[in-house]
């Protein structure tokens, strides 16, 4: 899984899009559906408040 923001540099008070890319060819042997947590760093708050839950559904193996 790759993670980036657009724009790449986020100034204080600015908003950005979070872009997550998954290379399905690297998911060999994984179940058809699974979750992966992504904890954002540099954001104030408890880890549970800054954790994204990524759900991946493989539709064609």
PDB file of N, CA and C in Angstrom:
ATOM      1  N   UNK A   1       0.848  -1.160   0.000  1.00  0.00           N
ATOM      2  CA  UNK A   1       0.000   0.000   0.000  1.00  0.00           C
ATOM      3  C   UNK A   1       0.899   1.230   0.000  1.00  0.00           C
ATOM      4  N   UNK A   2       0.571   2.186  -0.851  1.00  0.00           N
ATOM      5  CA  UNK A   2       1.293   3.465  -0.873  1.00  0.00           C
ATOM      6  C   UNK A   2       0.328   4.565  -0.461  1.00  0.00           C
ATOM      7  N   UNK A   3       0.878   5.556   0.203  1.00  0.00           N
ATOM      8  CA  UNK A   3       0.081   6.644   0.758  1.00  0.00           C
ATOM      9  C   UNK A   3       0.741   7.960   0.389  1.00  0.00           C
ATOM     10  N   UNK A   4      -0.068   8.926  -0.050  1.00  0.00           N
ATOM     11  CA  UNK A   4       0.455  10.272  -0.312  1.00  0.00           C
ATOM     12  C   UNK A   4      -0.680  11.281  -0.142  1.00  0.00           C
ATOM     13  N   UNK A   5      -0.323  12.528  -0.060  1.00  0.00           N
ATOM     14  CA  UNK A   5      -1.331  13.575  -0.013  1.00  0.00           C
ATOM     15  C   UNK A   5      -1.186  14.459  -1.246  1.00  0.00           C
ATOM     16  N   UNK A   6      -2.279  15.070  -1.630  1.00  0.00           N
ATOM     17  CA  UNK A   6      -2.274  16.032  -2.729  1.00  0.00           C
ATOM     18  C   UNK A   6      -2.925  17.299  -2.210  1.00  0.00           C
ATOM     19  N   UNK A   7      -2.196  18.407  -2.061  1.00  0.00           N
ATOM     20  CA  UNK A   7      -0.785  18.585  -2.403  1.00  0.00           C
ATOM     21  C   UNK A   7       0.115  17.816  -1.434  1.00  0.00           C
ATOM     22  N   UNK A   8       1.347  17.603  -1.864  1.00  0.00           N
ATOM     23  CA  UNK A   8       2.303  16.809  -1.088  1.00  0.00           C
ATOM     24  C   UNK A   8       2.638  17.464   0.243  1.00  0.00           C
ATOM     25  N   UNK A   9       2.817  18.783   0.233  1.00  0.00           N
ATOM     26  CA  UNK A   9       3.119  19.531   1.457  1.00  0.00           C
ATOM     27  C   UNK A   9       1.841  20.238   1.902  1.00  0.00           C
ATOM     28  N   UNK A  10       1.489  20.013   3.163  1.00  0.00           N
ATOM     29  CA  UNK A  10       0.263  20.596   3.712  1.00  0.00           C
ATOM     30  C   UNK A  10       0.652  21.626   4.770  1.00  0.00           C
ATOM     31  N   UNK A  11       0.318  22.868   4.531  1.00  0.00           N
ATOM     32  CA  UNK A  11       0.625  23.924   5.496  1.00  0.00           C
ATOM     33  C   UNK A  11      -0.419  23.904   6.603  1.00  0.00           C
ATOM     34  N   UNK A  12      -0.059  24.412   7.794  1.00  0.00           N
ATOM     35  CA  UNK A  12      -1.024  24.438   8.898  1.00  0.00           C
ATOM     36  C   UNK A  12      -2.332  25.114   8.475  1.00  0.00           C
ATOM     37  N   UNK A  13      -3.436  24.482   8.807  1.00  0.00           N
ATOM     38  CA  UNK A  13      -4.741  25.027   8.470  1.00  0.00           C
ATOM     39  C   UNK A  13      -5.243  24.647   7.082  1.00  0.00           C
ATOM     40  N   UNK A  14      -4.360  24.074   6.251  1.00  0.00           N
ATOM     41  CA  UNK A  14      -4.754  23.665   4.905  1.00  0.00           C
ATOM     42  C   UNK A  14      -5.367  22.280   4.920  1.00  0.00           C
ATOM     43  N   UNK A  15      -6.122  21.981   3.870  1.00  0.00           N
ATOM     44  CA  UNK A  15      -6.670  20.651   3.685  1.00  0.00           C
ATOM     45  C   UNK A  15      -5.998  20.002   2.487  1.00  0.00           C
ATOM     46  N   UNK A  16      -6.015  18.672   2.467  1.00  0.00           N
ATOM     47  CA  UNK A  16      -5.433  17.935   1.352  1.00  0.00           C
ATOM     48  C   UNK A  16      -6.213  16.644   1.159  1.00  0.00           C
ATOM     49  N   UNK A  17      -6.066  16.061  -0.006  1.00  0.00           N
ATOM     50  CA  UNK A  17      -6.643  14.750  -0.273  1.00  0.00           C
ATOM     51  C   UNK A  17      -5.643  13.683   0.113  1.00  0.00           C
ATOM     52  N   UNK A  18      -6.147  12.586   0.651  1.00  0.00           N
ATOM     53  CA  UNK A  18      -5.316  11.426   0.955  1.00  0.00           C
ATOM     54  C   UNK A  18      -5.521  10.429  -0.179  1.00  0.00           C
ATOM     55  N   UNK A  19      -4.426  10.025  -0.802  1.00  0.00           N
ATOM     56  CA  UNK A  19      -4.481   9.077  -1.913  1.00  0.00           C
ATOM     57  C   UNK A  19      -3.786   7.794  -1.478  1.00  0.00           C
ATOM     58  N   UNK A  20      -4.506   6.683  -1.541  1.00  0.00           N
ATOM     59  CA  UNK A  20      -3.960   5.385  -1.153  1.00  0.00           C
ATOM     60  C   UNK A  20      -4.023   4.481  -2.377  1.00  0.00           C
ATOM     61  N   UNK A  21      -2.884   3.895  -2.735  1.00  0.00           N
ATOM     62  CA  UNK A  21      -2.808   2.993  -3.882  1.00  0.00           C
ATOM     63  C   UNK A  21      -2.396   1.607  -3.406  1.00  0.00           C
ATOM     64  N   UNK A  22      -3.001   0.603  -4.027  1.00  0.00           N
ATOM     65  CA  UNK A  22      -2.699  -0.780  -3.680  1.00  0.00           C
ATOM     66  C   UNK A  22      -2.321  -1.520  -4.957  1.00  0.00           C
ATOM     67  N   UNK A  23      -1.187  -2.204  -4.934  1.00  0.00           N
ATOM     68  CA  UNK A  23      -0.762  -3.051  -6.048  1.00  0.00           C
ATOM     69  C   UNK A  23      -1.299  -4.453  -5.778  1.00  0.00           C
ATOM     70  N   UNK A  24      -2.391  -4.813  -6.445  1.00  0.00           N
ATOM     71  CA  UNK A  24      -3.052  -6.093  -6.194  1.00  0.00           C
ATOM     72  C   UNK A  24      -2.157  -7.290  -6.493  1.00  0.00           C
ATOM     73  N   UNK A  25      -1.168  -7.132  -7.354  1.00  0.00           N
ATOM     74  CA  UNK A  25      -0.282  -8.257  -7.665  1.00  0.00           C
ATOM     75  C   UNK A  25       0.557  -8.666  -6.454  1.00  0.00           C
ATOM     76  N   UNK A  26       0.679  -7.762  -5.470  1.00  0.00           N
ATOM     77  CA  UNK A  26       1.446  -8.068  -4.264  1.00  0.00           C
ATOM     78  C   UNK A  26       0.580  -8.673  -3.166  1.00  0.00           C
ATOM     79  N   UNK A  27      -0.674  -8.915  -3.466  1.00  0.00           N
ATOM     80  CA  UNK A  27      -1.600  -9.435  -2.468  1.00  0.00           C
ATOM     81  C   UNK A  27      -1.860 -10.929  -2.632  1.00  0.00           C
ATOM     82  N   UNK A  28      -0.969 -11.609  -3.293  1.00  0.00           N
ATOM     83  CA  UNK A  28      -1.118 -13.052  -3.499  1.00  0.00           C
ATOM     84  C   UNK A  28      -1.158 -13.750  -2.142  1.00  0.00           C
ATOM     85  N   UNK A  29      -2.130 -14.618  -1.973  1.00  0.00           N
ATOM     86  CA  UNK A  29      -2.257 -15.347  -0.715  1.00  0.00           C
ATOM     87  C   UNK A  29      -3.076 -14.628   0.337  1.00  0.00           C
ATOM     88  N   UNK A  30      -3.460 -13.391   0.084  1.00  0.00           N
ATOM     89  CA  UNK A  30      -4.298 -12.650   1.032  1.00  0.00           C
ATOM     90  C   UNK A  30      -5.751 -13.070   0.844  1.00  0.00           C
ATOM     91  N   UNK A  31      -6.559 -12.954   1.888  1.00  0.00           N
ATOM     92  CA  UNK A  31      -7.983 -13.244   1.726  1.00  0.00           C
ATOM     93  C   UNK A  31      -8.623 -12.232   0.777  1.00  0.00           C
ATOM     94  N   UNK A  32      -9.805 -12.551   0.277  1.00  0.00           N
ATOM     95  CA  UNK A  32     -10.475 -11.663  -0.671  1.00  0.00           C
ATOM     96  C   UNK A  32     -10.840 -10.318  -0.059  1.00  0.00           C
ATOM     97  N   UNK A  33     -10.982 -10.280   1.252  1.00  0.00           N
ATOM     98  CA  UNK A  33     -11.372  -9.040   1.929  1.00  0.00           C
ATOM     99  C   UNK A  33     -10.564  -8.921   3.217  1.00  0.00           C
ATOM    100  N   UNK A  34      -9.914  -7.791   3.429  1.00  0.00           N
ATOM    101  CA  UNK A  34      -9.202  -7.587   4.686  1.00  0.00           C
ATOM    102  C   UNK A  34      -9.089  -6.106   4.998  1.00  0.00           C
ATOM    103  N   UNK A  35      -8.759  -5.801   6.244  1.00  0.00           N
ATOM    104  CA  UNK A  35      -8.626  -4.421   6.725  1.00  0.00           C
ATOM    105  C   UNK A  35      -7.175  -4.122   7.051  1.00  0.00           C
ATOM    106  N   UNK A  36      -6.779  -2.871   6.848  1.00  0.00           N
ATOM    107  CA  UNK A  36      -5.436  -2.421   7.210  1.00  0.00           C
ATOM    108  C   UNK A  36      -5.562  -1.039   7.859  1.00  0.00           C
ATOM    109  N   UNK A  37      -5.105  -0.873   9.099  1.00  0.00           N
ATOM    110  CA  UNK A  37      -5.167   0.441   9.727  1.00  0.00           C
ATOM    111  C   UNK A  37      -4.043   1.341   9.224  1.00  0.00           C
ATOM    112  N   UNK A  38      -4.322   2.628   9.105  1.00  0.00           N
ATOM    113  CA  UNK A  38      -3.322   3.622   8.713  1.00  0.00           C
ATOM    114  C   UNK A  38      -3.408   4.750   9.729  1.00  0.00           C
ATOM    115  N   UNK A  39      -2.358   4.904  10.550  1.00  0.00           N
ATOM    116  CA  UNK A  39      -2.343   5.940  11.583  1.00  0.00           C
ATOM    117  C   UNK A  39      -1.629   7.166  11.032  1.00  0.00           C
ATOM    118  N   UNK A  40      -2.318   8.300  11.052  1.00  0.00           N
ATOM    119  CA  UNK A  40      -1.757   9.547  10.540  1.00  0.00           C
ATOM    120  C   UNK A  40      -0.834  10.162  11.575  1.00  0.00           C
ATOM    121  N   UNK A  41       0.349  10.550  11.137  1.00  0.00           N
ATOM    122  CA  UNK A  41       1.324  11.203  12.009  1.00  0.00           C
ATOM    123  C   UNK A  41       1.294  12.694  11.706  1.00  0.00           C
ATOM    124  N   UNK A  42       1.583  13.506  12.686  1.00  0.00           N
ATOM    125  CA  UNK A  42       1.596  14.947  12.492  1.00  0.00           C
ATOM    126  C   UNK A  42       0.228  15.577  12.678  1.00  0.00           C
ATOM    127  N   UNK A  43      -0.743  14.787  13.101  1.00  0.00           N
ATOM    128  CA  UNK A  43      -2.092  15.269  13.368  1.00  0.00           C
ATOM    129  C   UNK A  43      -2.325  15.115  14.864  1.00  0.00           C
ATOM    130  N   UNK A  44      -2.841  16.158  15.497  1.00  0.00           N
ATOM    131  CA  UNK A  44      -3.063  16.061  16.934  1.00  0.00           C
ATOM    132  C   UNK A  44      -4.271  15.190  17.217  1.00  0.00           C
ATOM    133  N   UNK A  45      -4.220  14.518  18.326  1.00  0.00           N
ATOM    134  CA  UNK A  45      -5.324  13.661  18.746  1.00  0.00           C
ATOM    135  C   UNK A  45      -4.820  12.291  19.141  1.00  0.00           C
ATOM    136  N   UNK A  46      -5.704  11.544  19.760  1.00  0.00           N
ATOM    137  CA  UNK A  46      -5.368  10.173  20.156  1.00  0.00           C
ATOM    138  C   UNK A  46      -5.176   9.329  18.901  1.00  0.00           C
ATOM    139  N   UNK A  47      -4.374   8.269  18.990  1.00  0.00           N
ATOM    140  CA  UNK A  47      -4.208   7.394  17.825  1.00  0.00           C
ATOM    141  C   UNK A  47      -5.542   6.901  17.259  1.00  0.00           C
ATOM    142  N   UNK A  48      -6.506   6.614  18.124  1.00  0.00           N
ATOM    143  CA  UNK A  48      -7.801   6.136  17.632  1.00  0.00           C
ATOM    144  C   UNK A  48      -8.553   7.213  16.843  1.00  0.00           C
ATOM    145  N   UNK A  49      -8.267   8.489  17.122  1.00  0.00           N
ATOM    146  CA  UNK A  49      -8.909   9.592  16.406  1.00  0.00           C
ATOM    147  C   UNK A  49      -8.230   9.901  15.080  1.00  0.00           C
ATOM    148  N   UNK A  50      -7.022   9.405  14.884  1.00  0.00           N
ATOM    149  CA  UNK A  50      -6.293   9.699  13.646  1.00  0.00           C
ATOM    150  C   UNK A  50      -5.921   8.432  12.882  1.00  0.00           C
ATOM    151  N   UNK A  51      -6.749   7.406  13.088  1.00  0.00           N
ATOM    152  CA  UNK A  51      -6.536   6.145  12.388  1.00  0.00           C
ATOM    153  C   UNK A  51      -7.599   5.957  11.318  1.00  0.00           C
ATOM    154  N   UNK A  52      -7.137   5.706  10.100  1.00  0.00           N
ATOM    155  CA  UNK A  52      -8.036   5.375   8.999  1.00  0.00           C
ATOM    156  C   UNK A  52      -8.115   3.863   8.907  1.00  0.00           C
ATOM    157  N   UNK A  53      -9.291   3.358   8.675  1.00  0.00           N
ATOM    158  CA  UNK A  53      -9.463   1.927   8.494  1.00  0.00           C
ATOM    159  C   UNK A  53      -9.634   1.671   7.000  1.00  0.00           C
ATOM    160  N   UNK A  54      -8.625   1.048   6.407  1.00  0.00           N
ATOM    161  CA  UNK A  54      -8.634   0.774   4.976  1.00  0.00           C
ATOM    162  C   UNK A  54      -9.195  -0.628   4.764  1.00  0.00           C
ATOM    163  N   UNK A  55     -10.242  -0.732   3.974  1.00  0.00           N
ATOM    164  CA  UNK A  55     -10.821  -2.038   3.651  1.00  0.00           C
ATOM    165  C   UNK A  55     -10.515  -2.348   2.200  1.00  0.00           C
ATOM    166  N   UNK A  56      -9.943  -3.521   1.964  1.00  0.00           N
ATOM    167  CA  UNK A  56      -9.574  -3.927   0.622  1.00  0.00           C
ATOM    168  C   UNK A  56     -10.408  -5.139   0.225  1.00  0.00           C
ATOM    169  N   UNK A  57     -11.079  -5.014  -0.906  1.00  0.00           N
ATOM    170  CA  UNK A  57     -11.884  -6.101  -1.450  1.00  0.00           C
ATOM    171  C   UNK A  57     -11.297  -6.491  -2.795  1.00  0.00           C
ATOM    172  N   UNK A  58     -10.758  -7.685  -2.874  1.00  0.00           N
ATOM    173  CA  UNK A  58     -10.218  -8.176  -4.142  1.00  0.00           C
ATOM    174  C   UNK A  58     -11.370  -8.784  -4.928  1.00  0.00           C
ATOM    175  N   UNK A  59     -11.659  -8.233  -6.090  1.00  0.00           N
ATOM    176  CA  UNK A  59     -12.794  -8.724  -6.859  1.00  0.00           C
ATOM    177  C   UNK A  59     -12.389  -9.642  -8.011  1.00  0.00           C
ATOM    178  N   UNK A  60     -11.106  -9.653  -8.351  1.00  0.00           N
ATOM    179  CA  UNK A  60     -10.635 -10.521  -9.435  1.00  0.00           C
ATOM    180  C   UNK A  60      -9.237 -10.972  -9.125  1.00  0.00           C
ATOM    181  N   UNK A  61      -9.082 -12.224  -8.707  1.00  0.00           N
ATOM    182  CA  UNK A  61      -7.750 -12.743  -8.358  1.00  0.00           C
ATOM    183  C   UNK A  61      -7.092 -13.363  -9.560  1.00  0.00           C
TER     184      UNK A  61
END
